[in-house]
Every structure is written in structure tokens, then in C-alpha cells.
Amino acid sequence: MRSTRCWWASTRTVLIAFMISFFPIAVSVSIGLSTLEPEYRDILRALGASRFTIFWKIALPKTLPEFFGALKVSVTLAFIGTNLMEIVEPHGRGLGHLFDSGKISADYPLMFAVLIALAILGILLYYVVVVLERIFAGWAERGPA
């Protein structure tokens, strides 16, 4: 019974992270695709390019900055959401469970240490996306405002 409960709790946690992450990414990518200049598409079609080539050469590079911008938001929101899920309904693993056990036993230094660890991990996840953005869409980097 315990293994089934842990499996279901983990599945719910992953589902929460997916639902939190999906919509910001989908909206940003659809906005990026809708702002694609039709002239580029027309020129490539006149030169005999297939739909896949147009997507690969024009649409995908155009949407990469929007995708990574949304991914930065989504990763941090999913991280917060999964940890809140773990704190509200702990299933025996993770920092949320450790925070909850510190709350139950009134171990405030443990709770504070968990919060610091969560902050560090959240910042680390954000910068992992920043590094991926520089690798895959470094050409679209914005200058100082």
C-alpha cells in the first residue's frame, strides 16, 4: 500500500509541475510564432522551401528567445509549486517533507536551513536555464537597456 501511495504522490507532484510550466511556455511560443513576419515565409516559399524548412530556418529561431524567457519563469514556478505540494501533503521524500518534519518538531533551524536550500536550488535552476539560453539562443541576447 505504501509504495502505491508514494507512486501516486510522485505522479501528482510531476503533474502539478507540468501544469504550472505548460501554459506560460505555450503562450509565449504561440506569441512568438504569431509575430513571425509573413514576408520571410513568402520569400522562402517562392524559393521552394518546404514547411519544415520554413519552421526550422525562420520560426524556430524566432521563437527561441520567447521560449527561454517562459522557461525561466516556468522552472521557478514549477519548483515552487512542487515544494509547496510536498509541504502541504508530504509523501516522505524531499525538502518539503524535511521542512514539514521541522515544523512538527518545532526545529526552526532545520526549517530555516531548508528554506535556504530551496532558495539556492531555485536560483541554481534559473541559472541552468540562463546557460542553456546562452548556448542555444545566444545570438538573441539583449544589450543593456
C-alpha atoms as a PDB file:
ATOM      1  CA  MET A   1       0.000   0.000   0.000  1.00  0.00           C
ATOM      2  CA  ARG A   2       2.802   2.417   0.878  1.00  0.00           C
ATOM      3  CA  SER A   3       4.580   2.001  -2.455  1.00  0.00           C
ATOM      4  CA  THR A   4       1.356   2.709  -4.365  1.00  0.00           C
ATOM      5  CA  ARG A   5       0.751   5.835  -2.313  1.00  0.00           C
ATOM      6  CA  CYS A   6       4.293   7.113  -2.896  1.00  0.00           C
ATOM      7  CA  TRP A   7       3.977   6.417  -6.621  1.00  0.00           C
ATOM      8  CA  TRP A   8       0.686   8.325  -6.806  1.00  0.00           C
ATOM      9  CA  ALA A   9       2.055  11.237  -4.750  1.00  0.00           C
ATOM     10  CA  SER A  10       5.078  11.482  -7.026  1.00  0.00           C
ATOM     11  CA  THR A  11       2.849  11.379 -10.081  1.00  0.00           C
ATOM     12  CA  ARG A  12       0.698  14.184  -8.690  1.00  0.00           C
ATOM     13  CA  THR A  13       3.795  16.252  -7.979  1.00  0.00           C
ATOM     14  CA  VAL A  14       5.052  15.811 -11.540  1.00  0.00           C
ATOM     15  CA  LEU A  15       1.569  16.614 -12.872  1.00  0.00           C
ATOM     16  CA  ILE A  16       1.460  19.830 -10.819  1.00  0.00           C
ATOM     17  CA  ALA A  17       4.891  20.840 -12.164  1.00  0.00           C
ATOM     18  CA  PHE A  18       3.763  20.105 -15.727  1.00  0.00           C
ATOM     19  CA  MET A  19       0.529  22.090 -15.397  1.00  0.00           C
ATOM     20  CA  ILE A  20       2.339  25.050 -13.861  1.00  0.00           C
ATOM     21  CA  SER A  21       5.000  25.002 -16.588  1.00  0.00           C
ATOM     22  CA  PHE A  22       2.987  24.213 -19.690  1.00  0.00           C
ATOM     23  CA  PHE A  23       0.823  27.295 -20.080  1.00  0.00           C
ATOM     24  CA  PRO A  24       3.467  30.046 -19.778  1.00  0.00           C
ATOM     25  CA  ILE A  25       5.609  28.198 -22.317  1.00  0.00           C
ATOM     26  CA  ALA A  26       2.703  27.512 -24.683  1.00  0.00           C
ATOM     27  CA  VAL A  27       1.505  31.118 -24.590  1.00  0.00           C
ATOM     28  CA  SER A  28       4.988  32.566 -25.145  1.00  0.00           C
ATOM     29  CA  VAL A  29       5.784  30.225 -28.035  1.00  0.00           C
ATOM     30  CA  SER A  30       2.419  30.900 -29.678  1.00  0.00           C
ATOM     31  CA  ILE A  31       3.011  34.658 -29.372  1.00  0.00           C
ATOM     32  CA  GLY A  32       6.466  34.197 -30.900  1.00  0.00           C
ATOM     33  CA  LEU A  33       5.009  32.201 -33.783  1.00  0.00           C
ATOM     34  CA  SER A  34       2.211  34.711 -34.361  1.00  0.00           C
ATOM     35  CA  THR A  35       4.661  37.603 -34.642  1.00  0.00           C
ATOM     36  CA  LEU A  36       6.544  35.877 -37.456  1.00  0.00           C
ATOM     37  CA  GLU A  37       6.830  38.239 -40.408  1.00  0.00           C
ATOM     38  CA  PRO A  38       4.904  36.836 -43.377  1.00  0.00           C
ATOM     39  CA  GLU A  39       7.461  38.276 -45.801  1.00  0.00           C
ATOM     40  CA  TYR A  40      10.070  35.769 -44.666  1.00  0.00           C
ATOM     41  CA  ARG A  41       7.645  32.929 -45.148  1.00  0.00           C
ATOM     42  CA  ASP A  42       6.646  34.199 -48.596  1.00  0.00           C
ATOM     43  CA  ILE A  43      10.252  34.583 -49.741  1.00  0.00           C
ATOM     44  CA  LEU A  44      11.182  31.066 -48.649  1.00  0.00           C
ATOM     45  CA  ARG A  45       8.024  29.625 -50.242  1.00  0.00           C
ATOM     46  CA  ALA A  46       8.906  31.410 -53.506  1.00  0.00           C
ATOM     47  CA  LEU A  47      12.346  29.832 -53.339  1.00  0.00           C
ATOM     48  CA  GLY A  48      10.764  26.387 -52.998  1.00  0.00           C
ATOM     49  CA  ALA A  49      11.275  25.771 -49.273  1.00  0.00           C
ATOM     50  CA  SER A  50       9.108  23.195 -47.548  1.00  0.00           C
ATOM     51  CA  ARG A  51       7.027  23.957 -44.466  1.00  0.00           C
ATOM     52  CA  PHE A  52       9.565  22.091 -42.346  1.00  0.00           C
ATOM     53  CA  THR A  53      12.414  24.209 -43.745  1.00  0.00           C
ATOM     54  CA  ILE A  54      10.476  27.402 -43.037  1.00  0.00           C
ATOM     55  CA  PHE A  55       9.861  26.227 -39.486  1.00  0.00           C
ATOM     56  CA  TRP A  56      13.476  25.161 -38.993  1.00  0.00           C
ATOM     57  CA  LYS A  57      15.104  28.244 -40.517  1.00  0.00           C
ATOM     58  CA  ILE A  58      12.680  31.034 -39.540  1.00  0.00           C
ATOM     59  CA  ALA A  59      10.041  30.070 -36.961  1.00  0.00           C
ATOM     60  CA  LEU A  60      12.208  28.096 -34.537  1.00  0.00           C
ATOM     61  CA  PRO A  61      14.978  30.695 -34.220  1.00  0.00           C
ATOM     62  CA  LYS A  62      12.344  33.425 -33.914  1.00  0.00           C
ATOM     63  CA  THR A  63      10.608  31.688 -31.003  1.00  0.00           C
ATOM     64  CA  LEU A  64      13.711  30.611 -29.062  1.00  0.00           C
ATOM     65  CA  PRO A  65      14.054  33.856 -27.061  1.00  0.00           C
ATOM     66  CA  GLU A  66      10.369  33.713 -26.073  1.00  0.00           C
ATOM     67  CA  PHE A  67      10.684  30.031 -25.219  1.00  0.00           C
ATOM     68  CA  PHE A  68      13.655  30.543 -22.925  1.00  0.00           C
ATOM     69  CA  GLY A  69      12.040  33.576 -21.301  1.00  0.00           C
ATOM     70  CA  ALA A  70       8.984  31.467 -20.496  1.00  0.00           C
ATOM     71  CA  LEU A  71      11.182  28.566 -19.408  1.00  0.00           C
ATOM     72  CA  LYS A  72      12.894  30.771 -16.824  1.00  0.00           C
ATOM     73  CA  VAL A  73       9.512  31.648 -15.340  1.00  0.00           C
ATOM     74  CA  SER A  74       8.167  28.109 -15.629  1.00  0.00           C
ATOM     75  CA  VAL A  75      11.134  26.401 -13.998  1.00  0.00           C
ATOM     76  CA  THR A  76      10.974  28.627 -10.944  1.00  0.00           C
ATOM     77  CA  LEU A  77       7.167  28.352 -10.707  1.00  0.00           C
ATOM     78  CA  ALA A  78       7.274  24.559 -11.067  1.00  0.00           C
ATOM     79  CA  PHE A  79       9.973  24.351  -8.411  1.00  0.00           C
ATOM     80  CA  ILE A  80       7.911  26.459  -6.022  1.00  0.00           C
ATOM     81  CA  GLY A  81       4.743  24.510  -6.824  1.00  0.00           C
ATOM     82  CA  THR A  82       6.278  21.097  -6.278  1.00  0.00           C
ATOM     83  CA  ASN A  83       7.825  22.151  -2.995  1.00  0.00           C
ATOM     84  CA  LEU A  84       4.539  23.629  -1.801  1.00  0.00           C
ATOM     85  CA  MET A  85       2.838  20.373  -2.786  1.00  0.00           C
ATOM     86  CA  GLU A  86       5.442  18.497  -0.766  1.00  0.00           C
ATOM     87  CA  ILE A  87       4.904  20.766   2.258  1.00  0.00           C
ATOM     88  CA  VAL A  88       1.092  20.570   2.104  1.00  0.00           C
ATOM     89  CA  GLU A  89       0.965  16.818   1.542  1.00  0.00           C
ATOM     90  CA  PRO A  90       4.352  15.261   2.314  1.00  0.00           C
ATOM     91  CA  HIS A  91       4.952  11.794   0.965  1.00  0.00           C
ATOM     92  CA  GLY A  92       8.190  11.034   2.755  1.00  0.00           C
ATOM     93  CA  ARG A  93      10.813  12.449   0.403  1.00  0.00           C
ATOM     94  CA  GLY A  94      12.232  15.793  -0.490  1.00  0.00           C
ATOM     95  CA  LEU A  95      12.888  19.120   1.133  1.00  0.00           C
ATOM     96  CA  GLY A  96       9.192  19.783   1.642  1.00  0.00           C
ATOM     97  CA  HIS A  97       8.934  16.736   3.863  1.00  0.00           C
ATOM     98  CA  LEU A  98      12.041  17.827   5.753  1.00  0.00           C
ATOM     99  CA  PHE A  99      10.505  21.281   6.240  1.00  0.00           C
ATOM    100  CA  ASP A 100       7.266  19.714   7.457  1.00  0.00           C
ATOM    101  CA  SER A 101       9.081  17.459   9.913  1.00  0.00           C
ATOM    102  CA  GLY A 102      10.945  20.507  11.233  1.00  0.00           C
ATOM    103  CA  LYS A 103       7.621  22.298  11.616  1.00  0.00           C
ATOM    104  CA  ILE A 104       6.096  19.390  13.542  1.00  0.00           C
ATOM    105  CA  SER A 105       9.059  19.104  15.909  1.00  0.00           C
ATOM    106  CA  ALA A 106       9.493  22.914  16.171  1.00  0.00           C
ATOM    107  CA  ASP A 107      13.032  22.629  14.815  1.00  0.00           C
ATOM    108  CA  TYR A 108      13.305  26.182  13.484  1.00  0.00           C
ATOM    109  CA  PRO A 109      16.979  25.997  12.485  1.00  0.00           C
ATOM    110  CA  LEU A 110      16.115  22.986  10.299  1.00  0.00           C
ATOM    111  CA  MET A 111      13.211  24.866   8.735  1.00  0.00           C
ATOM    112  CA  PHE A 112      15.442  27.873   8.059  1.00  0.00           C
ATOM    113  CA  ALA A 113      18.141  25.633   6.557  1.00  0.00           C
ATOM    114  CA  VAL A 114      15.546  24.029   4.273  1.00  0.00           C
ATOM    115  CA  LEU A 115      14.361  27.461   3.144  1.00  0.00           C
ATOM    116  CA  ILE A 116      17.936  28.487   2.357  1.00  0.00           C
ATOM    117  CA  ALA A 117      18.485  25.228   0.451  1.00  0.00           C
ATOM    118  CA  LEU A 118      15.269  25.815  -1.503  1.00  0.00           C
ATOM    119  CA  ALA A 119      16.345  29.354  -2.370  1.00  0.00           C
ATOM    120  CA  ILE A 120      19.760  28.178  -3.535  1.00  0.00           C
ATOM    121  CA  LEU A 121      18.249  25.372  -5.614  1.00  0.00           C
ATOM    122  CA  GLY A 122      15.714  27.761  -7.174  1.00  0.00           C
ATOM    123  CA  ILE A 123      18.457  30.207  -8.136  1.00  0.00           C
ATOM    124  CA  LEU A 124      20.567  27.340  -9.469  1.00  0.00           C
ATOM    125  CA  LEU A 125      17.697  26.087 -11.652  1.00  0.00           C
ATOM    126  CA  TYR A 126      17.167  29.595 -13.012  1.00  0.00           C
ATOM    127  CA  TYR A 127      20.819  29.910 -13.976  1.00  0.00           C
ATOM    128  CA  VAL A 128      20.821  26.469 -15.597  1.00  0.00           C
ATOM    129  CA  VAL A 129      18.142  27.826 -17.945  1.00  0.00           C
ATOM    130  CA  VAL A 130      20.206  31.007 -18.473  1.00  0.00           C
ATOM    131  CA  VAL A 131      23.207  28.888 -19.511  1.00  0.00           C
ATOM    132  CA  LEU A 132      21.021  26.820 -21.858  1.00  0.00           C
ATOM    133  CA  GLU A 133      19.663  30.048 -23.330  1.00  0.00           C
ATOM    134  CA  ARG A 134      23.178  31.316 -23.989  1.00  0.00           C
ATOM    135  CA  ILE A 135      24.086  28.028 -25.669  1.00  0.00           C
ATOM    136  CA  PHE A 136      21.007  27.721 -27.891  1.00  0.00           C
ATOM    137  CA  ALA A 137      19.920  31.346 -28.370  1.00  0.00           C
ATOM    138  CA  GLY A 138      22.995  33.384 -27.538  1.00  0.00           C
ATOM    139  CA  TRP A 139      22.626  35.327 -30.756  1.00  0.00           C
ATOM    140  CA  ALA A 140      19.412  36.890 -29.418  1.00  0.00           C
ATOM    141  CA  GLU A 141      20.971  38.273 -26.260  1.00  0.00           C
ATOM    142  CA  ARG A 142      19.682  41.695 -25.358  1.00  0.00           C
ATOM    143  CA  GLY A 143      22.098  44.515 -24.640  1.00  0.00           C
ATOM    144  CA  PRO A 144      21.928  46.731 -21.560  1.00  0.00           C
ATOM    145  CA  ALA A 145      18.862  48.965 -21.552  1.00  0.00           C
END
